[in-house]
Amino acid sequence: MKNLVILVTLAFSLVTTSAHAGKILLTEFDYSGYTEMKTNLENAGHTVDIIDATVAGNIATALATNTYDQLFLWDLTNTTYLTAPDLTAISNFWSTDMGMVVDTRSYGYDHEPNEANGLQLLQNIAANLDLSGGGMWIGSDHDPGWAYNANLVLDILGFDAITGSFSDPVNFADPTSVLLDGVTPNNLWAAGKSVGKAPIGVQANGVEMFMHFGNNDNGVLPYISASFNLQGPNSNDIPEPGTLVLLSLALLFIKEKKILGH
């Protein structure tokens, strides 16, 4: 019986730890905040690799040599770094049945890297991308000047560009937003800053982007927009082959004990 308990405990432990934990590639451009972002996501159970995206082709190489569930493209720079191989690799990585988040107030992770609401928001983003079978977070700022790489990616994936520079106060937060669960929206870095307008509505690729956070005084001004495909099973909830072996052994042990009358 003791051996049975050990087998079952180990098997279900492996199932639990594999659930809702994605492998994330995080781009590093300029400035700071990357290590804090990595630590925050890993505290939520994810695995994060940081790639120097200022070197042409590095993203393409990383996506070709490793398997990632999510790509966090943090466009923290006013320089265009992405080249054709990188853009092609990103286009091959993402598909319309995956999740997408565009966050134009993402520079808060540079200015306030350990602010609690921002950390929770980022964990929520990763969790819901995971539930969508993977996807992308595109963190950017305003345009022109600070969305060069983000807009290159949005264009090649069939999304509208990030546009304009706005400092309107935050007066809209979707109360049903899965991204804002546990987040106090007014405490997020955004209000009074210069941030861009994220794309919303049906995009050229057929994906519909919804506003989660922003301003609605003079029309819709989203600072965070997103689309999630939350249908179907999460691949990370399917046990690894080794886990299935352990479960099978546990069931076999139970069957043998019954046959022996114990």
C-alpha atoms as a PDB file:
ATOM      1  CA  MET A   1       0.000   0.000   0.000  1.00  0.00           C
ATOM      2  CA  LYS A   2       2.867   2.364   0.818  1.00  0.00           C
ATOM      3  CA  ASN A   3       4.327   1.873  -2.674  1.00  0.00           C
ATOM      4  CA  LEU A   4       0.917   2.588  -4.208  1.00  0.00           C
ATOM      5  CA  VAL A   5       0.609   5.860  -2.310  1.00  0.00           C
ATOM      6  CA  ILE A   6       4.071   6.925  -3.464  1.00  0.00           C
ATOM      7  CA  LEU A   7       3.277   6.131  -7.111  1.00  0.00           C
ATOM      8  CA  VAL A   8      -0.060   7.942  -7.131  1.00  0.00           C
ATOM      9  CA  THR A   9       1.308  10.968  -5.264  1.00  0.00           C
ATOM     10  CA  LEU A  10       4.232  11.301  -7.644  1.00  0.00           C
ATOM     11  CA  ALA A  11       2.064  10.914 -10.724  1.00  0.00           C
ATOM     12  CA  PHE A  12      -0.480  13.511  -9.698  1.00  0.00           C
ATOM     13  CA  SER A  13       2.268  15.843  -8.553  1.00  0.00           C
ATOM     14  CA  LEU A  14       3.688  15.780 -12.066  1.00  0.00           C
ATOM     15  CA  VAL A  15       0.267  16.475 -13.556  1.00  0.00           C
ATOM     16  CA  THR A  16      -0.269  19.446 -11.243  1.00  0.00           C
ATOM     17  CA  THR A  17       3.096  21.050 -11.843  1.00  0.00           C
ATOM     18  CA  SER A  18       2.753  20.757 -15.633  1.00  0.00           C
ATOM     19  CA  ALA A  19      -0.642  22.463 -15.729  1.00  0.00           C
ATOM     20  CA  HIS A  20      -0.819  26.127 -16.697  1.00  0.00           C
ATOM     21  CA  ALA A  21       2.950  26.477 -16.994  1.00  0.00           C
ATOM     22  CA  GLY A  22       4.211  27.742 -20.317  1.00  0.00           C
ATOM     23  CA  LYS A  23       7.688  28.085 -21.759  1.00  0.00           C
ATOM     24  CA  ILE A  24       8.157  31.744 -22.631  1.00  0.00           C
ATOM     25  CA  LEU A  25      10.677  33.540 -24.841  1.00  0.00           C
ATOM     26  CA  LEU A  26      11.149  37.136 -23.640  1.00  0.00           C
ATOM     27  CA  THR A  27      12.861  39.644 -25.923  1.00  0.00           C
ATOM     28  CA  GLU A  28      15.417  42.043 -24.487  1.00  0.00           C
ATOM     29  CA  PHE A  29      15.932  45.288 -26.371  1.00  0.00           C
ATOM     30  CA  ASP A  30      17.124  48.347 -24.386  1.00  0.00           C
ATOM     31  CA  TYR A  31      16.827  49.707 -20.837  1.00  0.00           C
ATOM     32  CA  SER A  32      15.831  47.446 -17.910  1.00  0.00           C
ATOM     33  CA  GLY A  33      13.122  45.390 -16.219  1.00  0.00           C
ATOM     34  CA  TYR A  34      13.716  42.074 -17.965  1.00  0.00           C
ATOM     35  CA  THR A  35      15.092  40.113 -15.016  1.00  0.00           C
ATOM     36  CA  GLU A  36      12.213  41.279 -12.794  1.00  0.00           C
ATOM     37  CA  MET A  37       9.732  40.213 -15.482  1.00  0.00           C
ATOM     38  CA  LYS A  38      11.405  36.811 -15.781  1.00  0.00           C
ATOM     39  CA  THR A  39      11.373  36.324 -12.006  1.00  0.00           C
ATOM     40  CA  ASN A  40       7.697  37.280 -11.767  1.00  0.00           C
ATOM     41  CA  LEU A  41       6.653  34.839 -14.484  1.00  0.00           C
ATOM     42  CA  GLU A  42       8.796  32.046 -13.082  1.00  0.00           C
ATOM     43  CA  ASN A  43       7.233  32.615  -9.653  1.00  0.00           C
ATOM     44  CA  ALA A  44       3.950  31.702 -11.352  1.00  0.00           C
ATOM     45  CA  GLY A  45       5.420  28.414 -12.594  1.00  0.00           C
ATOM     46  CA  HIS A  46       6.517  29.371 -16.100  1.00  0.00           C
ATOM     47  CA  THR A  47       9.921  28.860 -17.676  1.00  0.00           C
ATOM     48  CA  VAL A  48      11.405  32.014 -19.210  1.00  0.00           C
ATOM     49  CA  ASP A  49      14.352  32.486 -21.558  1.00  0.00           C
ATOM     50  CA  ILE A  50      15.579  36.023 -22.255  1.00  0.00           C
ATOM     51  CA  ILE A  51      16.964  36.611 -25.748  1.00  0.00           C
ATOM     52  CA  ASP A  52      19.051  39.600 -26.857  1.00  0.00           C
ATOM     53  CA  ALA A  53      16.782  40.924 -29.594  1.00  0.00           C
ATOM     54  CA  THR A  54      19.167  43.721 -30.548  1.00  0.00           C
ATOM     55  CA  VAL A  55      21.207  41.138 -32.479  1.00  0.00           C
ATOM     56  CA  ALA A  56      19.652  40.441 -35.881  1.00  0.00           C
ATOM     57  CA  GLY A  57      18.444  36.852 -36.226  1.00  0.00           C
ATOM     58  CA  ASN A  58      18.593  35.969 -32.528  1.00  0.00           C
ATOM     59  CA  ILE A  59      14.824  35.589 -32.207  1.00  0.00           C
ATOM     60  CA  ALA A  60      14.723  33.431 -35.342  1.00  0.00           C
ATOM     61  CA  THR A  61      17.487  31.200 -33.976  1.00  0.00           C
ATOM     62  CA  ALA A  62      15.811  30.848 -30.574  1.00  0.00           C
ATOM     63  CA  LEU A  63      12.450  29.907 -32.092  1.00  0.00           C
ATOM     64  CA  ALA A  64      14.129  27.416 -34.434  1.00  0.00           C
ATOM     65  CA  THR A  65      16.188  25.664 -31.767  1.00  0.00           C
ATOM     66  CA  ASN A  66      13.702  25.595 -28.879  1.00  0.00           C
ATOM     67  CA  THR A  67      10.003  24.964 -28.409  1.00  0.00           C
ATOM     68  CA  TYR A  68       8.099  27.842 -26.841  1.00  0.00           C
ATOM     69  CA  ASP A  69       4.438  28.237 -25.933  1.00  0.00           C
ATOM     70  CA  GLN A  70       4.554  32.006 -25.680  1.00  0.00           C
ATOM     71  CA  LEU A  71       6.535  34.908 -27.082  1.00  0.00           C
ATOM     72  CA  PHE A  72       6.747  38.091 -25.014  1.00  0.00           C
ATOM     73  CA  LEU A  73       7.883  40.791 -27.417  1.00  0.00           C
ATOM     74  CA  TRP A  74       8.717  43.722 -25.149  1.00  0.00           C
ATOM     75  CA  ASP A  75       9.505  46.567 -27.542  1.00  0.00           C
ATOM     76  CA  LEU A  76      11.359  48.635 -24.954  1.00  0.00           C
ATOM     77  CA  THR A  77      13.356  50.756 -27.401  1.00  0.00           C
ATOM     78  CA  ASN A  78      13.156  53.585 -29.913  1.00  0.00           C
ATOM     79  CA  THR A  79      15.340  51.684 -32.399  1.00  0.00           C
ATOM     80  CA  THR A  80      14.225  49.279 -35.115  1.00  0.00           C
ATOM     81  CA  TYR A  81      16.059  46.022 -34.498  1.00  0.00           C
ATOM     82  CA  LEU A  82      13.939  43.275 -36.050  1.00  0.00           C
ATOM     83  CA  THR A  83      15.031  41.963 -39.425  1.00  0.00           C
ATOM     84  CA  ALA A  84      13.326  39.789 -42.037  1.00  0.00           C
ATOM     85  CA  PRO A  85      14.460  36.430 -40.539  1.00  0.00           C
ATOM     86  CA  ASP A  86      13.121  37.422 -37.110  1.00  0.00           C
ATOM     87  CA  LEU A  87       9.805  38.619 -38.524  1.00  0.00           C
ATOM     88  CA  THR A  88       9.419  35.444 -40.580  1.00  0.00           C
ATOM     89  CA  ALA A  89      10.118  33.290 -37.530  1.00  0.00           C
ATOM     90  CA  ILE A  90       7.554  35.216 -35.451  1.00  0.00           C
ATOM     91  CA  SER A  91       5.014  34.867 -38.263  1.00  0.00           C
ATOM     92  CA  ASN A  92       5.619  31.108 -38.320  1.00  0.00           C
ATOM     93  CA  PHE A  93       5.349  30.904 -34.525  1.00  0.00           C
ATOM     94  CA  TRP A  94       1.996  32.641 -34.118  1.00  0.00           C
ATOM     95  CA  SER A  95      -1.324  31.544 -35.624  1.00  0.00           C
ATOM     96  CA  THR A  96      -4.849  32.906 -35.388  1.00  0.00           C
ATOM     97  CA  ASP A  97      -5.972  30.108 -33.060  1.00  0.00           C
ATOM     98  CA  MET A  98      -3.544  31.368 -30.398  1.00  0.00           C
ATOM     99  CA  GLY A  99      -3.924  34.248 -27.965  1.00  0.00           C
ATOM    100  CA  MET A 100      -2.762  37.829 -28.516  1.00  0.00           C
ATOM    101  CA  VAL A 101      -2.345  40.725 -26.080  1.00  0.00           C
ATOM    102  CA  VAL A 102      -1.250  44.239 -27.068  1.00  0.00           C
ATOM    103  CA  ASP A 103      -0.188  46.350 -24.093  1.00  0.00           C
ATOM    104  CA  THR A 104       0.797  49.955 -24.811  1.00  0.00           C
ATOM    105  CA  ARG A 105       1.379  50.774 -21.129  1.00  0.00           C
ATOM    106  CA  SER A 106       4.082  48.135 -20.840  1.00  0.00           C
ATOM    107  CA  TYR A 107       6.870  50.646 -20.151  1.00  0.00           C
ATOM    108  CA  GLY A 108       5.573  50.606 -16.600  1.00  0.00           C
ATOM    109  CA  TYR A 109       7.643  47.427 -16.210  1.00  0.00           C
ATOM    110  CA  ASP A 110      10.733  49.561 -16.797  1.00  0.00           C
ATOM    111  CA  HIS A 111       9.646  52.427 -14.507  1.00  0.00           C
ATOM    112  CA  GLU A 112       7.955  50.305 -11.819  1.00  0.00           C
ATOM    113  CA  PRO A 113       9.228  46.732 -12.325  1.00  0.00           C
ATOM    114  CA  ASN A 114       7.957  45.407  -8.994  1.00  0.00           C
ATOM    115  CA  GLU A 115       4.607  47.196  -8.719  1.00  0.00           C
ATOM    116  CA  ALA A 116       2.149  44.565  -7.469  1.00  0.00           C
ATOM    117  CA  ASN A 117      -0.699  45.234  -9.906  1.00  0.00           C
ATOM    118  CA  GLY A 118       1.599  45.166 -12.904  1.00  0.00           C
ATOM    119  CA  LEU A 119       3.083  41.885 -11.734  1.00  0.00           C
ATOM    120  CA  GLN A 120      -0.375  40.340 -11.326  1.00  0.00           C
ATOM    121  CA  LEU A 121      -1.433  41.589 -14.757  1.00  0.00           C
ATOM    122  CA  LEU A 122       1.582  39.949 -16.362  1.00  0.00           C
ATOM    123  CA  GLN A 123       0.896  36.646 -14.610  1.00  0.00           C
ATOM    124  CA  ASN A 124      -2.731  36.805 -15.762  1.00  0.00           C
ATOM    125  CA  ILE A 125      -1.601  37.401 -19.329  1.00  0.00           C
ATOM    126  CA  ALA A 126       0.700  34.380 -19.286  1.00  0.00           C
ATOM    127  CA  ALA A 127      -1.950  32.164 -17.664  1.00  0.00           C
ATOM    128  CA  ASN A 128      -4.587  33.022 -20.267  1.00  0.00           C
ATOM    129  CA  LEU A 129      -2.191  32.683 -23.175  1.00  0.00           C
ATOM    130  CA  ASP A 130      -1.415  29.245 -21.791  1.00  0.00           C
ATOM    131  CA  LEU A 131      -5.128  28.401 -21.699  1.00  0.00           C
ATOM    132  CA  SER A 132      -5.327  29.538 -25.325  1.00  0.00           C
ATOM    133  CA  GLY A 133      -2.728  27.018 -26.419  1.00  0.00           C
ATOM    134  CA  GLY A 134      -0.002  29.678 -26.461  1.00  0.00           C
ATOM    135  CA  GLY A 135       0.349  33.089 -28.027  1.00  0.00           C
ATOM    136  CA  MET A 136       1.988  36.487 -27.792  1.00  0.00           C
ATOM    137  CA  TRP A 137       2.178  39.500 -25.539  1.00  0.00           C
ATOM    138  CA  ILE A 138       3.318  42.591 -27.415  1.00  0.00           C
ATOM    139  CA  GLY A 139       4.433  45.239 -24.958  1.00  0.00           C
ATOM    140  CA  SER A 140       4.981  48.678 -26.416  1.00  0.00           C
ATOM    141  CA  ASP A 141       4.412  52.384 -25.894  1.00  0.00           C
ATOM    142  CA  HIS A 142       3.342  55.284 -28.113  1.00  0.00           C
ATOM    143  CA  ASP A 143       3.818  55.915 -31.804  1.00  0.00           C
ATOM    144  CA  PRO A 144       5.794  57.393 -33.442  1.00  0.00           C
ATOM    145  CA  GLY A 145       9.073  56.690 -31.775  1.00  0.00           C
ATOM    146  CA  TRP A 146       8.503  53.778 -29.418  1.00  0.00           C
ATOM    147  CA  ALA A 147       6.559  51.128 -31.319  1.00  0.00           C
ATOM    148  CA  TYR A 148       8.776  50.395 -34.304  1.00  0.00           C
ATOM    149  CA  ASN A 149       9.379  46.699 -33.661  1.00  0.00           C
ATOM    150  CA  ALA A 150       5.882  46.092 -32.279  1.00  0.00           C
ATOM    151  CA  ASN A 151       4.250  47.585 -35.354  1.00  0.00           C
ATOM    152  CA  LEU A 152       6.442  45.543 -37.691  1.00  0.00           C
ATOM    153  CA  VAL A 153       5.213  42.396 -35.951  1.00  0.00           C
ATOM    154  CA  LEU A 154       1.586  43.506 -35.815  1.00  0.00           C
ATOM    155  CA  ASP A 155       1.664  44.257 -39.521  1.00  0.00           C
ATOM    156  CA  ILE A 156       3.141  40.914 -40.565  1.00  0.00           C
ATOM    157  CA  LEU A 157       0.598  39.084 -38.363  1.00  0.00           C
ATOM    158  CA  GLY A 158      -2.363  40.978 -39.827  1.00  0.00           C
ATOM    159  CA  PHE A 159      -3.152  43.375 -36.976  1.00  0.00           C
ATOM    160  CA  ASP A 160      -3.675  47.123 -37.020  1.00  0.00           C
ATOM    161  CA  ALA A 161      -0.763  49.211 -35.811  1.00  0.00           C
ATOM    162  CA  ILE A 162      -0.348  50.912 -32.466  1.00  0.00           C
ATOM    163  CA  THR A 163      -1.084  54.570 -33.127  1.00  0.00           C
ATOM    164  CA  GLY A 164      -0.764  57.968 -31.500  1.00  0.00           C
ATOM    165  CA  SER A 165       0.447  59.303 -28.176  1.00  0.00           C
ATOM    166  CA  PHE A 166      -2.127  59.770 -25.413  1.00  0.00           C
ATOM    167  CA  SER A 167      -2.097  60.746 -21.762  1.00  0.00           C
ATOM    168  CA  ASP A 168      -5.832  60.457 -21.097  1.00  0.00           C
ATOM    169  CA  PRO A 169      -6.742  59.139 -17.636  1.00  0.00           C
ATOM    170  CA  VAL A 170      -7.780  55.540 -17.212  1.00  0.00           C
ATOM    171  CA  ASN A 171     -11.548  55.497 -16.727  1.00  0.00           C
ATOM    172  CA  PHE A 172     -12.451  52.169 -18.280  1.00  0.00           C
ATOM    173  CA  ALA A 173     -11.587  48.673 -17.111  1.00  0.00           C
ATOM    174  CA  ASP A 174     -13.648  45.707 -18.269  1.00  0.00           C
ATOM    175  CA  PRO A 175     -15.078  44.181 -15.070  1.00  0.00           C
ATOM    176  CA  THR A 176     -15.179  40.765 -16.759  1.00  0.00           C
ATOM    177  CA  SER A 177     -11.566  40.935 -17.980  1.00  0.00           C
ATOM    178  CA  VAL A 178      -9.565  37.805 -17.239  1.00  0.00           C
ATOM    179  CA  LEU A 179      -6.451  39.986 -17.395  1.00  0.00           C
ATOM    180  CA  LEU A 180      -7.552  42.280 -14.578  1.00  0.00           C
ATOM    181  CA  ASP A 181      -8.415  39.547 -12.081  1.00  0.00           C
ATOM    182  CA  GLY A 182      -6.795  40.589  -8.808  1.00  0.00           C
ATOM    183  CA  VAL A 183      -5.619  43.872 -10.345  1.00  0.00           C
ATOM    184  CA  THR A 184      -6.570  47.401  -9.257  1.00  0.00           C
ATOM    185  CA  PRO A 185      -6.661  49.023 -12.721  1.00  0.00           C
ATOM    186  CA  ASN A 186      -6.169  52.610 -11.557  1.00  0.00           C
ATOM    187  CA  ASN A 187      -2.889  51.588  -9.941  1.00  0.00           C
ATOM    188  CA  LEU A 188      -1.414  50.339 -13.208  1.00  0.00           C
ATOM    189  CA  TRP A 189       1.208  52.546 -14.818  1.00  0.00           C
ATOM    190  CA  ALA A 190      -0.606  54.376 -17.636  1.00  0.00           C
ATOM    191  CA  ALA A 191      -2.655  57.388 -16.546  1.00  0.00           C
ATOM    192  CA  GLY A 192      -0.974  60.674 -17.384  1.00  0.00           C
ATOM    193  CA  LYS A 193       1.783  58.937 -19.354  1.00  0.00           C
ATOM    194  CA  SER A 194       2.311  58.985 -23.100  1.00  0.00           C
ATOM    195  CA  VAL A 195       0.986  55.662 -24.376  1.00  0.00           C
ATOM    196  CA  GLY A 196      -0.372  54.443 -27.692  1.00  0.00           C
ATOM    197  CA  LYS A 197      -3.746  53.217 -28.857  1.00  0.00           C
ATOM    198  CA  ALA A 198      -3.917  49.439 -29.101  1.00  0.00           C
ATOM    199  CA  PRO A 199      -5.809  47.810 -31.994  1.00  0.00           C
ATOM    200  CA  ILE A 200      -9.400  46.725 -31.406  1.00  0.00           C
ATOM    201  CA  GLY A 201     -12.172  45.230 -33.507  1.00  0.00           C
ATOM    202  CA  VAL A 202     -11.954  42.639 -36.254  1.00  0.00           C
ATOM    203  CA  GLN A 203      -8.487  42.631 -37.762  1.00  0.00           C
ATOM    204  CA  ALA A 204      -7.316  41.833 -41.284  1.00  0.00           C
ATOM    205  CA  ASN A 205      -6.435  38.300 -40.120  1.00  0.00           C
ATOM    206  CA  GLY A 206      -9.999  37.740 -38.854  1.00  0.00           C
ATOM    207  CA  VAL A 207      -9.124  37.938 -35.149  1.00  0.00           C
ATOM    208  CA  GLU A 208     -11.319  40.229 -33.048  1.00  0.00           C
ATOM    209  CA  MET A 209      -9.452  42.289 -30.455  1.00  0.00           C
ATOM    210  CA  PHE A 210     -11.305  43.522 -27.366  1.00  0.00           C
ATOM    211  CA  MET A 211     -10.554  46.480 -25.122  1.00  0.00           C
ATOM    212  CA  HIS A 212      -9.670  45.520 -21.550  1.00  0.00           C
ATOM    213  CA  PHE A 213      -8.329  48.786 -20.169  1.00  0.00           C
ATOM    214  CA  GLY A 214      -8.099  52.426 -21.219  1.00  0.00           C
ATOM    215  CA  ASN A 215     -10.151  55.606 -21.674  1.00  0.00           C
ATOM    216  CA  ASN A 216     -13.615  56.106 -23.139  1.00  0.00           C
ATOM    217  CA  ASP A 217     -14.186  59.840 -22.763  1.00  0.00           C
ATOM    218  CA  ASN A 218     -14.049  60.728 -26.460  1.00  0.00           C
ATOM    219  CA  GLY A 219     -14.502  57.396 -28.149  1.00  0.00           C
ATOM    220  CA  VAL A 220     -12.713  54.145 -27.437  1.00  0.00           C
ATOM    221  CA  LEU A 221      -9.058  54.477 -26.486  1.00  0.00           C
ATOM    222  CA  PRO A 222      -7.651  51.071 -25.491  1.00  0.00           C
ATOM    223  CA  TYR A 223      -4.325  50.813 -23.710  1.00  0.00           C
ATOM    224  CA  ILE A 224      -4.657  47.025 -23.477  1.00  0.00           C
ATOM    225  CA  SER A 225      -6.474  44.927 -26.064  1.00  0.00           C
ATOM    226  CA  ALA A 226      -6.578  41.175 -26.362  1.00  0.00           C
ATOM    227  CA  SER A 227      -8.049  38.109 -27.997  1.00  0.00           C
ATOM    228  CA  PHE A 228      -8.025  34.643 -26.467  1.00  0.00           C
ATOM    229  CA  ASN A 229      -9.056  31.314 -27.916  1.00  0.00           C
ATOM    230  CA  LEU A 230     -10.144  29.646 -24.690  1.00  0.00           C
ATOM    231  CA  GLN A 231     -11.871  26.730 -26.396  1.00  0.00           C
ATOM    232  CA  GLY A 232     -10.671  23.151 -26.201  1.00  0.00           C
ATOM    233  CA  PRO A 233      -8.176  21.387 -23.960  1.00  0.00           C
ATOM    234  CA  ASN A 234      -5.003  23.012 -22.736  1.00  0.00           C
ATOM    235  CA  SER A 235      -2.075  21.009 -24.064  1.00  0.00           C
ATOM    236  CA  ASN A 236      -0.160  21.586 -20.834  1.00  0.00           C
ATOM    237  CA  ASP A 237      -2.903  19.809 -18.892  1.00  0.00           C
ATOM    238  CA  ILE A 238      -2.297  16.605 -20.844  1.00  0.00           C
ATOM    239  CA  PRO A 239       0.091  14.466 -18.764  1.00  0.00           C
ATOM    240  CA  GLU A 240       3.626  13.891 -19.980  1.00  0.00           C
ATOM    241  CA  PRO A 241       4.400  10.331 -21.210  1.00  0.00           C
ATOM    242  CA  GLY A 242       6.355   9.636 -18.022  1.00  0.00           C
ATOM    243  CA  THR A 243       3.365  10.664 -15.949  1.00  0.00           C
ATOM    244  CA  LEU A 244       1.126   8.324 -17.916  1.00  0.00           C
ATOM    245  CA  VAL A 245       3.548   5.477 -17.198  1.00  0.00           C
ATOM    246  CA  LEU A 246       3.379   6.193 -13.472  1.00  0.00           C
ATOM    247  CA  LEU A 247      -0.406   6.328 -13.539  1.00  0.00           C
ATOM    248  CA  SER A 248      -0.494   3.034 -15.439  1.00  0.00           C
ATOM    249  CA  LEU A 249       1.795   1.417 -12.884  1.00  0.00           C
ATOM    250  CA  ALA A 250      -0.420   2.649 -10.064  1.00  0.00           C
ATOM    251  CA  LEU A 251      -3.529   1.218 -11.724  1.00  0.00           C
ATOM    252  CA  LEU A 252      -1.737  -2.072 -12.409  1.00  0.00           C
ATOM    253  CA  PHE A 253      -0.694  -2.246  -8.757  1.00  0.00           C
ATOM    254  CA  ILE A 254      -4.317  -1.777  -7.669  1.00  0.00           C
ATOM    255  CA  LYS A 255      -5.483  -4.508 -10.078  1.00  0.00           C
ATOM    256  CA  GLU A 256      -2.878  -6.997  -8.834  1.00  0.00           C
ATOM    257  CA  LYS A 257      -3.782  -6.313  -5.222  1.00  0.00           C
ATOM    258  CA  LYS A 258      -7.437  -7.076  -6.011  1.00  0.00           C
ATOM    259  CA  ILE A 259      -6.516 -10.316  -7.764  1.00  0.00           C
ATOM    260  CA  LEU A 260      -4.465 -11.434  -4.779  1.00  0.00           C
ATOM    261  CA  GLY A 261      -7.348 -10.557  -2.485  1.00  0.00           C
ATOM    262  CA  HIS A 262      -5.427  -7.946  -0.484  1.00  0.00           C
END
